[in-house]
Structures are given as C-alpha cells and as structure tokens.
Protein backbone atom coordinates (compact mmCIF):
# COMPACT_ATOMS: atom_id res chain seq x y z
CA MET A 1 -41.15 -72.81 49.38
CA ARG A 2 -40.21 -70.72 52.38
CA ASN A 3 -36.16 -70.01 51.40
CA LEU A 4 -38.07 -68.90 47.55
CA ILE A 5 -39.36 -65.98 49.14
CA PRO A 6 -37.14 -64.28 50.12
CA GLN A 7 -34.34 -65.68 47.67
CA LEU A 8 -36.81 -63.84 44.78
CA ILE A 9 -36.81 -60.79 47.10
CA ALA A 10 -32.98 -60.56 47.64
CA ILE A 11 -32.80 -60.66 43.60
CA ILE A 12 -35.02 -58.74 42.45
CA GLY A 13 -33.84 -55.60 45.28
CA GLY A 14 -29.89 -56.55 43.87
CA THR A 15 -30.97 -56.17 40.14
CA PHE A 16 -32.47 -52.23 41.50
CA VAL A 17 -28.56 -51.62 43.27
CA SER A 18 -26.99 -53.18 39.78
CA GLU A 19 -28.11 -55.60 37.02
CA ASP A 20 -25.20 -56.88 35.42
CA LEU A 21 -23.36 -58.08 39.19
CA THR A 22 -27.04 -58.98 40.20
CA CYS A 23 -27.14 -61.47 37.26
CA ILE A 24 -23.68 -62.53 37.30
CA SER A 25 -23.63 -63.15 41.05
CA THR A 26 -27.00 -65.63 40.58
CA GLY A 27 -25.16 -67.31 37.66
CA LEU A 28 -22.17 -67.97 40.16
CA LEU A 29 -24.76 -68.88 42.88
CA ILE A 30 -26.21 -71.21 40.30
CA ARG A 31 -23.64 -73.17 39.05
CA GLU A 32 -22.42 -73.47 43.35
CA SER A 33 -26.20 -75.52 43.11
CA HIS A 34 -26.93 -72.13 46.14
CA LEU A 35 -30.07 -71.60 43.65
CA HIS A 36 -32.47 -73.22 41.20
CA PRO A 37 -31.86 -71.62 37.93
CA LEU A 38 -35.54 -70.50 37.55
CA VAL A 39 -35.96 -68.91 40.70
CA GLY A 40 -32.88 -66.95 39.66
CA LEU A 41 -33.92 -66.32 36.15
CA GLY A 42 -37.33 -65.49 37.04
CA GLY A 43 -36.08 -62.98 39.85
CA CYS A 44 -33.45 -61.35 37.90
CA LEU A 45 -36.70 -60.86 34.57
CA VAL A 46 -38.95 -59.13 36.98
CA GLY A 47 -36.46 -57.07 38.36
CA ILE A 48 -35.00 -55.92 35.27
CA VAL A 49 -37.97 -55.44 33.33
CA ALA A 50 -39.34 -53.47 36.91
CA GLY A 51 -36.69 -51.27 37.01
CA ASP A 52 -36.87 -50.27 33.08
CA PHE A 53 -39.80 -49.40 34.05
CA ALA A 54 -39.41 -47.36 36.80
CA LEU A 55 -37.18 -45.50 34.63
CA TRP A 56 -38.91 -44.65 32.13
CA PHE A 57 -42.21 -43.67 34.96
CA LEU A 58 -39.65 -41.22 35.97
CA GLY A 59 -39.33 -39.41 33.08
CA ARG A 60 -42.82 -39.91 32.95
CA VAL A 61 -43.54 -38.16 35.91
CA GLY A 62 -40.64 -35.49 35.99
CA GLY A 63 -41.32 -34.86 32.44
CA ARG A 64 -39.43 -31.93 30.82
CA ARG A 65 -37.46 -31.38 33.79
CA VAL A 66 -35.98 -34.52 34.03
CA LEU A 67 -34.20 -33.24 30.70
CA GLN A 68 -32.44 -30.56 32.47
CA TRP A 69 -30.86 -32.25 34.27
CA GLY A 70 -26.63 -31.86 33.62
CA TRP A 71 -25.91 -34.88 33.64
CA ILE A 72 -28.70 -35.42 30.67
CA GLN A 73 -27.66 -32.40 28.85
CA ARG A 74 -24.16 -33.38 28.66
CA ARG A 75 -24.83 -36.57 27.22
CA LEU A 76 -28.68 -34.85 24.91
CA PRO A 77 -28.07 -31.85 23.52
CA GLY A 78 -31.25 -29.98 22.07
CA SER A 79 -30.21 -30.78 18.54
CA LYS A 80 -29.49 -34.53 19.74
CA LEU A 81 -32.29 -34.74 21.71
CA ALA A 82 -34.24 -33.70 18.51
CA ARG A 83 -33.15 -36.69 15.73
CA LEU A 84 -33.45 -39.01 19.13
CA GLN A 85 -37.39 -38.26 19.96
CA HIS A 86 -37.61 -38.67 16.03
CA PHE A 87 -35.31 -42.50 16.20
CA LEU A 88 -37.44 -43.35 19.06
CA ASP A 89 -41.24 -42.89 17.05
CA ASN A 90 -39.27 -44.98 14.87
CA ARG A 91 -37.96 -47.39 16.37
CA LEU A 92 -37.70 -47.37 19.66
CA GLY A 93 -37.60 -51.72 19.58
CA THR A 94 -34.36 -51.48 17.66
CA ALA A 95 -33.01 -48.04 20.51
CA VAL A 96 -33.83 -50.73 23.45
CA LEU A 97 -32.51 -54.17 22.50
CA ALA A 98 -29.49 -51.70 21.87
CA ALA A 99 -29.73 -49.76 25.20
CA ARG A 100 -30.06 -53.74 27.13
CA PHE A 101 -26.47 -54.88 25.07
CA LEU A 102 -24.43 -51.29 25.33
CA PRO A 103 -23.98 -50.96 29.65
CA GLY A 104 -23.90 -47.42 30.68
CA THR A 105 -26.73 -45.82 27.96
CA ARG A 106 -30.12 -47.45 29.49
CA ALA A 107 -30.48 -45.08 32.41
CA VAL A 108 -30.64 -42.09 30.24
CA LEU A 109 -32.40 -43.73 27.05
CA TYR A 110 -35.04 -45.08 29.88
CA ILE A 111 -35.70 -41.68 31.08
CA VAL A 112 -35.79 -39.53 28.09
CA THR A 113 -38.17 -42.05 26.33
CA GLY A 114 -40.37 -41.52 29.34
CA ALA A 115 -40.17 -37.75 29.21
CA LEU A 116 -40.78 -37.67 25.28
CA GLY A 117 -43.87 -39.66 26.05
CA ASN A 118 -43.65 -42.70 24.21
CA ARG A 119 -46.07 -45.46 24.43
CA PRO A 120 -46.17 -47.38 28.19
CA GLY A 121 -47.21 -50.75 26.45
CA GLN A 122 -44.20 -50.37 23.76
CA PHE A 123 -41.96 -50.04 25.96
CA LEU A 124 -42.75 -52.67 27.75
CA GLY A 125 -43.13 -54.69 25.64
CA TRP A 126 -39.51 -53.76 24.11
CA SER A 127 -38.42 -54.03 27.31
CA LEU A 128 -38.97 -57.47 28.41
CA ALA A 129 -38.32 -58.89 24.84
CA ALA A 130 -34.75 -57.07 25.47
CA ALA A 131 -34.51 -58.62 29.30
CA LEU A 132 -35.57 -62.25 27.65
CA ILE A 133 -32.67 -62.57 25.36
CA TRP A 134 -29.59 -60.41 28.04
CA THR A 135 -30.70 -62.30 31.40
CA PRO A 136 -30.43 -65.75 30.23
CA LEU A 137 -27.37 -65.31 28.15
CA LEU A 138 -25.43 -63.52 30.98
CA VAL A 139 -27.31 -65.21 34.22
CA PHE A 140 -26.62 -69.01 32.33
CA GLY A 141 -23.56 -68.27 30.53
CA THR A 142 -21.85 -67.03 33.77
CA ALA A 143 -23.20 -70.18 35.53
CA MET A 144 -21.96 -72.55 32.56
CA PHE A 145 -17.96 -70.87 32.24
CA GLY A 146 -18.03 -69.11 35.50
CA ASP A 147 -16.32 -72.44 36.27
CA VAL A 148 -13.69 -71.74 34.19
CA VAL A 149 -12.43 -68.25 36.10
CA VAL A 150 -13.05 -69.57 39.83
CA THR A 151 -11.17 -73.15 39.71
CA PRO A 152 -8.00 -71.43 39.12
CA LEU A 153 -8.80 -68.43 41.31
CA ALA A 154 -10.11 -71.03 44.09
CA SER A 155 -6.75 -72.66 43.84
CA LEU A 156 -4.55 -69.58 44.17
CA VAL A 157 -6.69 -67.93 46.63
CA GLY A 158 -7.29 -71.06 48.71
CA SER A 159 -11.52 -70.50 49.40
CA ARG A 160 -14.01 -71.12 46.11
CA ALA A 161 -16.32 -68.52 48.45
CA TRP A 162 -13.48 -65.29 47.46
CA ALA A 163 -12.96 -67.25 43.94
CA MET A 164 -16.37 -66.15 42.91
CA ILE A 165 -16.42 -62.70 44.39
CA ALA A 166 -13.48 -61.92 42.30
CA THR A 167 -15.03 -64.10 39.59
CA GLY A 168 -18.22 -61.38 39.62
CA GLY A 169 -16.16 -58.78 39.67
CA CYS A 170 -13.92 -59.29 37.21
CA LEU A 171 -17.20 -60.29 34.91
CA LEU A 172 -18.63 -57.47 35.86
CA ALA A 173 -15.40 -54.94 35.20
CA THR A 174 -15.47 -56.77 31.53
CA LEU A 175 -19.03 -55.96 31.00
CA ASN A 176 -18.61 -52.22 31.94
CA LEU A 177 -15.42 -51.66 29.90
CA ALA A 178 -16.59 -52.78 26.69
CA PRO A 179 -17.80 -50.38 25.64
CA ILE A 180 -14.72 -47.88 26.40
CA CYS A 181 -12.83 -50.16 24.29
CA ILE A 182 -15.57 -49.38 21.31
CA ARG A 183 -16.67 -46.05 22.27
CA GLU A 184 -14.58 -43.37 21.66
CA GLU A 185 -16.19 -41.00 24.04
CA SER A 186 -15.76 -43.62 26.54
CA ARG A 187 -12.50 -44.10 25.51
CA SER A 188 -11.33 -40.83 26.33
CA ARG A 189 -13.03 -39.80 29.14
CA TRP A 190 -11.19 -42.46 31.04
CA ILE A 191 -8.13 -41.44 29.60
CA ALA A 192 -8.67 -38.14 30.64
CA ARG A 193 -9.78 -39.65 34.12
CA LEU A 194 -6.47 -41.71 34.61
CA SER A 195 -4.32 -37.85 33.46
CA ARG A 196 -5.51 -36.23 36.29
CA LEU A 197 -3.67 -38.84 38.40
CA TRP A 198 -0.24 -37.25 37.06
CA ARG A 199 -1.77 -33.55 35.63
CA TRP A 200 -1.77 -31.72 38.98
CA GLU A 201 -3.16 -28.70 36.97
CA PHE A 202 -6.52 -30.23 36.99
CA TRP A 203 -6.57 -31.69 40.46
CA PRO A 204 -9.85 -30.18 42.54
CA SER A 205 -8.35 -27.23 44.55
CA TRP A 206 -9.28 -28.87 48.45
CA ILE A 207 -6.66 -31.48 47.17
CA PHE A 208 -4.22 -29.33 45.89
CA TYR A 209 -4.39 -27.02 48.44
CA LEU A 210 -3.85 -29.43 51.49
CA PRO A 211 0.17 -29.51 51.19
CA LEU A 212 -0.13 -26.00 52.10
CA LEU A 213 -1.89 -26.29 54.93
CA PRO A 214 1.38 -26.54 57.32
CA TRP A 215 2.89 -24.33 55.79
CA LEU A 216 0.19 -21.53 56.62
CA ALA A 217 0.61 -23.52 60.38
CA ILE A 218 4.22 -22.71 60.36
CA LEU A 219 3.64 -19.26 59.22
CA ALA A 220 0.63 -18.77 62.01
CA VAL A 221 2.88 -19.35 64.68
CA ARG A 222 5.72 -17.43 63.76
CA TYR A 223 3.84 -14.08 62.94
CA ARG A 224 1.82 -15.18 66.20
CA SER A 225 -2.19 -15.00 64.22
CA ALA A 226 -3.68 -16.83 62.16
CA THR A 227 -5.29 -14.33 60.25
CA VAL A 228 -2.65 -11.61 60.18
CA TRP A 229 -3.06 -12.09 56.51
CA THR A 230 -6.06 -10.44 56.24
CA ALA A 231 -4.25 -6.74 57.10
CA ALA A 232 -2.61 -6.65 53.92
CA ASN A 233 -5.26 -4.82 51.56
CA PRO A 234 -6.52 -2.53 54.35
CA GLY A 235 -8.34 -0.69 51.45
CA ILE A 236 -10.80 -3.85 49.97
CA PRO A 237 -12.54 -6.14 53.21
CA GLN A 238 -11.03 -8.42 54.55
CA GLY A 239 -8.38 -8.15 52.52
CA GLY A 240 -9.96 -9.40 49.62
CA VAL A 241 -10.97 -12.88 50.80
CA VAL A 242 -14.08 -13.70 49.17
CA GLY A 243 -17.45 -11.37 48.18
CA GLU A 244 -15.68 -7.88 47.80
CA SER A 245 -17.10 -5.54 44.62
CA LYS A 246 -15.15 -5.82 41.98
CA PHE A 247 -16.95 -2.84 40.85
CA ALA A 248 -15.89 -0.80 44.16
CA ILE A 249 -11.71 -1.79 43.09
CA LEU A 250 -11.80 -1.18 40.06
CA SER A 251 -13.44 2.34 40.96
CA LYS A 252 -10.60 2.68 43.00
CA LEU A 253 -8.13 2.32 40.22
CA PRO A 254 -7.16 5.05 37.65
CA ALA A 255 -10.15 5.26 35.05
CA ARG A 256 -7.52 5.47 32.08
CA TRP A 257 -5.93 1.56 32.93
CA THR A 258 -9.28 -0.03 33.95
CA LEU A 259 -12.33 -1.71 31.83
CA PRO A 260 -14.96 0.72 32.38
CA SER A 261 -17.76 -0.68 34.23
CA VAL A 262 -21.36 -0.18 35.17
CA LEU A 263 -22.55 -1.78 38.56
CA ILE A 264 -25.84 -3.40 38.07
CA ASP A 265 -27.93 -3.55 40.99
CA ARG A 266 -31.50 -2.87 41.22
CA PRO A 267 -34.24 -5.42 42.25
CA THR A 268 -36.61 -6.06 39.23
CA VAL A 269 -35.38 -7.49 35.82
CA GLU A 270 -36.75 -4.88 34.42
CA GLU A 271 -35.35 -2.07 36.32
CA ARG A 272 -32.76 -3.89 35.67
CA THR A 273 -32.50 -4.27 31.49
CA ARG A 274 -33.53 -0.26 32.20
CA GLN A 275 -30.23 0.10 34.45
CA LEU A 276 -27.58 -1.72 31.40
CA GLN A 277 -29.38 0.36 29.12
CA ARG A 278 -28.93 3.95 30.40
CA GLY A 279 -25.50 2.70 31.34
CA MET A 280 -24.53 2.11 27.46
CA GLN A 281 -25.82 4.88 26.44
CA GLU A 282 -23.83 6.84 28.66
CA GLN A 283 -21.01 4.73 28.44
CA CYS A 284 -21.59 4.68 24.27
CA TRP A 285 -21.30 1.13 24.41
CA SER A 286 -22.46 -1.56 21.95
CA PHE A 287 -22.73 -5.45 22.14
CA PRO A 288 -21.42 -7.65 22.31
CA LEU A 289 -21.31 -7.39 25.98
CA ILE A 290 -19.76 -9.16 29.50
CA LEU A 291 -21.98 -9.89 32.34
CA LYS A 292 -20.25 -10.98 35.29
CA PRO A 293 -21.26 -10.90 39.10
CA ASP A 294 -19.71 -8.43 41.15
CA ALA A 295 -18.51 -10.84 43.76
CA SER A 296 -16.98 -13.97 42.67
CA GLN A 297 -14.81 -16.82 42.26
CA ARG A 298 -12.56 -18.71 39.57
CA GLY A 299 -14.86 -16.91 37.08
CA ALA A 300 -18.24 -18.15 37.59
CA GLY A 301 -20.52 -16.67 35.81
CA VAL A 302 -19.12 -15.31 33.46
CA LYS A 303 -20.99 -14.19 30.32
CA ARG A 304 -21.11 -12.45 27.05
CA VAL A 305 -23.90 -11.46 25.43
CA HIS A 306 -25.04 -10.07 21.67
CA SER A 307 -27.95 -9.16 22.32
CA ILE A 308 -30.47 -6.99 24.92
CA GLU A 309 -32.51 -10.20 25.10
CA GLU A 310 -29.46 -12.01 26.01
CA ALA A 311 -28.92 -9.67 28.64
CA ALA A 312 -32.17 -9.57 29.68
CA ASN A 313 -32.56 -13.09 30.31
CA TYR A 314 -29.00 -13.56 32.11
CA LEU A 315 -30.08 -10.97 34.47
CA ASP A 316 -33.44 -12.69 34.79
CA SER A 317 -30.87 -15.82 36.22
CA ALA A 318 -28.60 -13.94 38.15
CA PRO A 319 -30.59 -12.25 41.60
CA PHE A 320 -27.51 -10.36 42.81
CA ALA A 321 -25.39 -7.50 41.58
CA VAL A 322 -23.77 -7.65 38.04
CA ILE A 323 -21.42 -6.01 36.09
CA ALA A 324 -21.40 -5.09 33.12
CA GLN A 325 -18.57 -3.89 30.62
CA PRO A 326 -17.59 -3.68 27.09
CA TYR A 327 -15.77 -7.00 25.04
CA HIS A 328 -12.19 -6.22 24.83
CA PRO A 329 -11.72 -8.47 21.95
CA GLY A 330 -7.13 -8.85 23.76
CA PRO A 331 -6.73 -11.57 21.70
CA PHE A 332 -4.51 -11.24 24.31
CA GLU A 333 -4.95 -11.85 28.33
CA ALA A 334 -2.32 -11.34 31.13
CA GLY A 335 -2.54 -12.37 35.20
CA ILE A 336 0.32 -9.53 36.68
CA PHE A 337 1.13 -10.66 40.13
CA TYR A 338 1.56 -7.19 42.35
CA VAL A 339 3.42 -6.90 45.41
CA ARG A 340 4.76 -4.25 47.70
CA LEU A 341 5.81 -4.21 51.48
CA PRO A 342 4.20 -1.05 53.47
CA GLY A 343 6.47 2.05 53.57
CA ALA A 344 8.71 1.37 50.60
CA ALA A 345 9.09 3.46 47.96
CA ARG A 346 7.84 1.37 45.30
CA GLY A 347 6.41 -2.31 44.63
CA ARG A 348 7.54 -4.92 41.79
CA ILE A 349 5.70 -7.60 39.88
CA LEU A 350 6.04 -11.08 41.28
CA SER A 351 5.04 -13.02 38.71
CA ILE A 352 3.08 -12.69 35.30
CA THR A 353 0.97 -15.62 33.68
CA ASP A 354 0.26 -15.57 29.91
CA LYS A 355 -2.98 -16.75 29.50
CA GLN A 356 -3.91 -18.68 26.22
CA PHE A 357 -7.66 -19.37 25.81
CA PRO A 358 -8.59 -22.59 24.15
CA GLN A 359 -9.45 -23.46 20.41
CA ILE A 360 -9.99 -25.87 18.35
CA VAL A 361 -9.59 -26.46 14.62
CA GLY A 362 -11.19 -28.37 12.91
CA ASP A 363 -11.22 -30.77 10.21
CA GLY A 364 -13.71 -30.70 7.68
CA HIS A 365 -15.37 -33.65 8.58
CA SER A 366 -15.79 -34.14 12.14
CA THR A 367 -18.05 -32.89 15.35
CA LEU A 368 -16.83 -30.46 17.44
CA ALA A 369 -17.49 -32.66 19.83
CA GLN A 370 -15.52 -35.29 18.76
CA LEU A 371 -12.74 -32.62 18.36
CA ILE A 372 -12.89 -31.93 21.53
CA TRP A 373 -12.50 -35.36 22.79
CA ARG A 374 -9.57 -36.20 20.91
CA HIS A 375 -8.07 -32.71 22.33
CA PRO A 376 -5.71 -34.46 24.88
CA ARG A 377 -5.87 -31.43 26.88
CA LEU A 378 -9.26 -30.15 26.16
CA ARG A 379 -11.44 -33.40 26.78
CA MET A 380 -9.47 -32.79 30.35
CA GLN A 381 -12.16 -30.27 30.86
CA VAL A 382 -15.17 -31.83 27.99
CA ASP A 383 -18.07 -31.05 30.05
CA THR A 384 -17.73 -27.69 30.70
CA PHE A 385 -16.70 -27.33 27.05
CA LEU A 386 -19.64 -29.44 25.75
CA ARG A 387 -22.08 -27.40 28.07
CA ARG A 388 -20.80 -23.80 26.70
CA HIS A 389 -21.49 -24.88 22.63
CA ILE A 390 -24.00 -26.89 23.85
CA ASN A 391 -26.37 -26.09 20.61
CA GLN A 392 -22.57 -26.92 18.13
CA GLN A 393 -21.37 -29.79 19.87
CA ASP A 394 -22.65 -31.36 16.43
CA ARG A 395 -21.14 -29.12 13.83
CA VAL A 396 -18.68 -29.68 11.58
CA LEU A 397 -16.01 -27.28 11.56
CA ALA A 398 -14.83 -26.57 7.81
CA ALA A 399 -10.97 -28.05 7.18
CA GLY A 400 -8.38 -25.42 8.86
CA GLU A 401 -11.61 -23.47 10.75
CA THR A 402 -10.43 -22.70 14.59
CA MET A 403 -12.69 -21.79 17.01
CA GLN A 404 -12.40 -20.29 20.18
CA LEU A 405 -14.39 -22.41 23.42
CA ALA A 406 -13.58 -19.73 25.80
CA VAL A 407 -12.89 -15.81 26.50
CA ALA A 408 -12.87 -15.92 30.15
CA GLY A 409 -9.45 -16.35 31.30
CA ASN A 410 -9.34 -18.49 33.92
CA HIS A 411 -8.32 -21.41 33.75
CA CYS A 412 -11.61 -23.82 35.55
CA GLN A 413 -12.75 -22.49 32.60
CA GLY A 414 -10.38 -23.94 30.16
CA THR A 415 -7.74 -21.61 29.51
CA MET A 416 -4.05 -22.37 29.66
CA PHE A 417 -2.22 -20.74 32.04
CA ARG A 418 2.20 -20.41 31.13
CA ASP A 419 5.09 -18.46 33.04
CA GLY A 420 4.84 -15.19 31.42
CA SER A 421 8.21 -14.10 32.53
CA HIS A 422 9.35 -13.55 28.78
CA LEU A 423 6.53 -10.57 29.02
CA PHE A 424 8.25 -8.44 32.36
CA THR A 425 10.23 -5.41 31.26
CA PRO A 426 10.78 -2.16 34.00
CA GLU A 427 8.30 -0.15 32.17
CA LEU A 428 5.57 -2.42 32.20
CA GLU A 429 6.78 -2.97 36.02
CA GLN A 430 6.63 0.96 36.73
CA ARG A 431 3.74 1.44 35.13
CA ILE A 432 1.92 -1.55 37.39
CA ASP A 433 3.18 0.06 40.54
CA ALA A 434 1.73 3.27 39.43
CA ILE A 435 -1.67 1.97 38.75
CA ALA A 436 -1.50 0.52 42.47
CA GLN A 437 -0.27 2.84 44.72
CA HIS A 438 -3.21 4.86 43.21
CA PHE A 439 -5.31 2.64 45.54
CA SER A 440 -4.61 3.16 48.79
CA GLY A 441 -4.45 0.41 51.14
CA PHE A 442 -3.21 -2.09 48.10
CA TYR A 443 0.06 -3.95 48.61
CA PHE A 444 -0.69 -7.69 47.44
CA GLY A 445 -2.99 -8.93 44.54
CA ARG A 446 -3.56 -9.91 41.11
CA PHE A 447 -4.40 -7.85 38.04
CA ASP A 448 -6.11 -9.33 35.36
CA VAL A 449 -5.09 -7.61 31.96
CA ARG A 450 -6.10 -7.40 28.30
CA TYR A 451 -4.20 -6.26 25.13
CA THR A 452 -3.97 -6.10 21.98
CA ASP A 453 -0.46 -5.60 20.70
CA GLU A 454 1.93 -7.01 22.48
CA ARG A 455 4.69 -4.33 22.33
CA ALA A 456 2.47 -1.49 23.93
CA PHE A 457 2.41 -3.54 26.68
CA LEU A 458 5.57 -4.52 27.29
CA ALA A 459 6.26 -0.53 27.36
CA GLY A 460 3.39 -0.83 30.05
CA ASP A 461 0.82 1.77 27.44
CA ASP A 462 -1.49 -1.08 26.54
CA LEU A 463 -3.90 -2.56 29.74
CA ALA A 464 -7.08 -2.84 29.67
CA ILE A 465 -7.35 -4.00 34.04
CA VAL A 466 -10.58 -6.53 33.86
CA GLU A 467 -10.07 -7.50 37.20
CA LEU A 468 -8.07 -6.68 40.25
CA ASN A 469 -8.17 -9.49 43.03
CA GLY A 470 -6.85 -9.38 46.55
CA VAL A 471 -5.61 -11.65 49.48
CA THR A 472 -6.98 -15.00 47.86
CA SER A 473 -5.58 -14.72 44.19
CA GLU A 474 -3.11 -17.08 43.25
CA SER A 475 0.14 -16.53 40.94
CA THR A 476 -1.10 -18.25 38.55
CA ASN A 477 1.93 -19.17 36.66
CA LEU A 478 2.30 -22.10 39.19
CA TYR A 479 -0.06 -23.64 36.96
CA ASP A 480 1.85 -23.70 33.78
CA PRO A 481 1.98 -27.19 32.85
CA ALA A 482 5.72 -27.49 31.62
CA HIS A 483 6.26 -26.89 35.42
CA SER A 484 7.24 -30.07 38.38
CA LEU A 485 4.82 -29.82 41.37
CA LEU A 486 7.46 -28.87 43.07
CA THR A 487 8.22 -25.85 41.77
CA ALA A 488 3.92 -24.82 41.54
CA TYR A 489 4.27 -24.71 45.37
CA ALA A 490 7.43 -22.98 46.03
CA ILE A 491 5.40 -20.61 43.90
CA LEU A 492 2.58 -21.40 46.08
CA PHE A 493 4.11 -20.96 49.44
CA ARG A 494 6.79 -17.46 48.59
CA GLN A 495 2.98 -16.40 47.78
CA TRP A 496 2.00 -16.52 51.22
CA ALA A 497 5.26 -16.13 53.41
CA LEU A 498 5.34 -12.85 51.33
CA LEU A 499 0.97 -11.99 51.88
CA PHE A 500 1.96 -13.18 55.71
CA GLN A 501 4.55 -10.91 55.96
CA ILE A 502 2.63 -7.57 54.47
CA GLY A 503 0.22 -8.06 56.66
CA ASN A 504 2.32 -8.14 59.57
CA ALA A 505 3.83 -5.26 58.78
CA ASN A 506 0.50 -3.56 58.48
CA CYS A 507 -0.49 -4.99 61.51
CA ARG A 508 2.53 -2.54 62.82
CA ARG A 509 1.34 0.15 61.56
CA GLY A 510 -2.04 -0.01 63.24
CA ILE A 511 -4.24 -2.23 60.87
CA GLN A 512 -6.15 -4.60 62.49
CA PRO A 513 -6.40 -7.83 61.10
CA THR A 514 -10.27 -9.62 60.60
CA ALA A 515 -10.91 -12.13 63.52
CA VAL A 516 -10.96 -15.52 63.08
CA ASN A 517 -15.11 -15.66 63.48
CA GLU A 518 -16.01 -12.80 61.59
CA LEU A 519 -13.68 -14.24 58.92
CA VAL A 520 -15.61 -17.79 59.44
CA ALA A 521 -18.82 -15.99 59.55
CA VAL A 522 -17.80 -14.19 55.38
CA VAL A 523 -16.67 -16.95 53.78
CA VAL A 524 -19.89 -19.02 54.75
CA GLY A 525 -22.17 -16.54 54.35
CA PHE A 526 -20.78 -16.11 50.61
CA TYR A 527 -21.08 -19.27 49.76
CA ARG A 528 -23.86 -20.03 50.87
CA GLY A 529 -26.05 -17.12 49.52
CA HIS A 530 -24.46 -16.49 46.55
CA ARG A 531 -24.29 -18.80 44.00
CA PRO A 532 -23.72 -17.74 40.32
CA ASP A 533 -23.89 -20.42 37.68
CA PRO A 534 -20.16 -21.66 37.93
CA LEU A 535 -20.14 -21.62 33.91
CA ALA A 536 -18.21 -19.07 32.43
CA ASP A 537 -18.54 -17.88 28.92
C-alpha cells in the first residue's frame, strides 16, 4: 500500500504533462510487471478526466478572453466558432469522443467548450466515457504488444530499460503523426516547417544575421569604430537605425515624388479621428486609406481602412503617432536601394527589388484556407494570411477568381521579393539621385516606391515614394528565392561594407557617430515602448 500512493500520484501528475506518453509508459511498466494493472489504469483515468475538466474550467473562467488567444483564433475564426457552438449544443458527446481519438485537438475543443458555457456535468460524463474507451486500449494495448518492439530493440541496444524508453518514444510519435497523415492542414504545416530548413528566406532574422556578426567585427576593426556606420545619414537621427519618424523623413523629399501624408499624434481617439478627418478634407482624400505607425519595423501595423469607423478602431488600438496616406493601387511596388559617397557628384542605385504581392486563384470548390494550405509558398506564412483574412477563411473562391492576400510590400507580411535588375535604367537612376540629393544629409537607404505604368517608371516619371528607410534597411533583392544563400550573403556583406565606408567618410567631414551606450538605449527603448501589431494588411 505504501508504494501505491506515490505510484498513483506520479501517474496522475504525468497525465498533466502528456496523457499519451503517460499511458504508453504505464503500459510498458505493466508489461514488465513493475506496476499493478489496476493501479496503472486507475491513475491514468483519474489524471485524464481531471485534466479534461481543468481545460473546460479554464475556458469557463476565462470566458471570451480565451477565445481571443491567437493560437485559438487561428484554428477557430468567427465563422467556424459559430458553427462549432451550434454543433456542441446538439452533439457534445460526438465532439468529445472524436477529440479523444484525435491527438492535438483536445485542448482547443475542451477550452472552447468551457468558454461557450456547455453544461459541466454533461461534459464530465462524456469525458469519462471517452477516457474509459481510450485509456484501456492504449494502456493494455501497449502492455500486450509492446514486447513486439521492446525485445528486438533490447537485443540491438543491449539494455531493456533503454529499449522501453525508445519504444515509448516511437509509440508516442506514431500517435501524434497519425493525424498528420490524415489531415491536410497538419500535413501542410509539417511540410512547411521542414521546408524552412532549406528555404533560408523564411529563416528567423536572428539566425539569418548570425554570419554577419564576424564581418561587422572586421569592419569595426578596419574603421576603428563599432558605430561609425550610424554617421552615414546625418540628416536622420542615428542614421535611421530604429524609431525614426517616417513622416519627418518624407517631408524632406520633393512633394512631387512622394505619397502625401498626414501625421496623427493627438492624445485621445476623438482628437485623433478629427485630426484625420481634417487632413482628408485638406488633401481631398477619400477612402480607402493606409494607416501605419510613424515609427515601426518590417511593415508592422500597416492597415488599409475603408471607412471612418475602421480608422477610429485602428486609432483606438494604436496609442502612438500614426501616418495616414491615400491608398496607391499600384499595382506595382519596388524597393530601390541608393548609395552616394559623401562629396561625390552623383549617387547610384545599388539594387532594385521587384515586389510581387501574394495572391490566390480559386477553383470553385475549395475554401480560401484550403487554397493557402495547398500553395507551396503561401503555406510558409499561413498563420499571417489566415489571421489577416480571418473572416474569409471559409469563403469558396469561384473558379479562376483571383484574391490578393496583402497590400503591404513587406517580405514578413507575405510579399515575394525578386531581383529587379531588369528595371534599372539610367533615367530612373538619375531621377532617384535627384530626389535623394534634395534630402540634405542622406546617403544610404532604400526607397519603397509604388507605380502604375512600368514604361513611365523606367523613364523616371511614375514614382510615388511610400517610405524611405535608413541605415538598417536591407537591399531586399537578397531575399529572391532564385538566389543561393551565398549570393544573399554576398549582397548583405557588400551593403554593410558600403555603409561603414560612407559612415567613415562622413566622420572625416566632422559628423559624429552615435555612441555605443546611446545606440543601445535607443534600440532597447524603442522595442520596450513601441509594440504595434505586427500583422500588416
């Protein structure tokens, strides 16, 4: 009896970590006669039912707040949630039983069931019924047939204990991989995760930039300063590292070639909304408009709004300075990277990125979500697209119907970047150089430009500058999936070598770079106090 209580506590506690792994381990211990079958089965049953009810109770207490969690919203957009509520009201037992046999679905279903307020007694009863079917099958099935795997592994590894551990891992992997083989969404998600190993353009930024650090150290030694590059653009605070005002930068460019902007910086939502309306009247704008933070990184917080109500909702959720711009339909956008050595009569275009907005084509019977999951590239950023179009996930696109999934020309938000060398012309370079030299103290950065007619764009006559980014902007053609990883790093290393060279030239002309401690304070302060929603439209 003294051993039974600790065994029961261990088994019950184990189910709160992993129900399936605990059941498999219990079955193997029963097989080896290290555990009484009733103790093992009873502990698993108690722990599983208690865990199920804890999830239900979490949903009940958290209520609607739980349904706002990102990982639940991605799985249950509004339309699906309404259908699920109707289903649970009528077929709660079917749902609970099905979830018990489909690993990976239980937590979401049980929390949502609690949040929707289904009767606890009924839920508890069905949870117990499902556990009474599932648990003996898994525990005693492992006990009866586990030796088929354990014995060969033991002879291979020379230890029955290690063979049991390996068997448990194999059985757990089989249980969790089974739904992947069945569900299209799960298969696509795993394929996307594996594809990231070689599709480097989707690597996290901190991983992609790691090989750059030794090169930055070499450049710092060569130029005898770790921050000399911050002097590259003396007309922008810290050269444009982070937190610079987009509105202030655009105001220093020729109005003819920039998209007009209105800065919204009043303290209250009512004042901010009135400020926007006055700006629209003065500029003779109509909806749709683009709203975005005056200081942000990687396209975070960009939103296309179609009414004053949508604009007010955005301004209510964005308690920081915001830029409003008329929506430029394009349909083209380019990133033009420009450099000029201080003292040089002319600058040059270092690279051009041809931005291709993501779009999906309907087949007449698949939902938008299904089309995205099946697309070999779009599924790499599926969470971004599904959250952005959360109310249209179940919409069936007509055969041949095209739907654009993003309006922000940012790679993190789903836009594909292609090397735009074919867009280079001397006329375009001359125009960009004239625009850049109009901005006193600007030598290095990227113009994000929308245009309508390619021929006029190549002639330097059709440009609407949306943004100008400073020293930490990227020569974004490096993300072209047709490039090799070595080519991408060659572009990145060249860009930073030029940045250090320009910064050093400005230092020789009397410009002071930002001190290390000041630079750290600026970066840390920005990311601590400025957190716009990363999802762009």
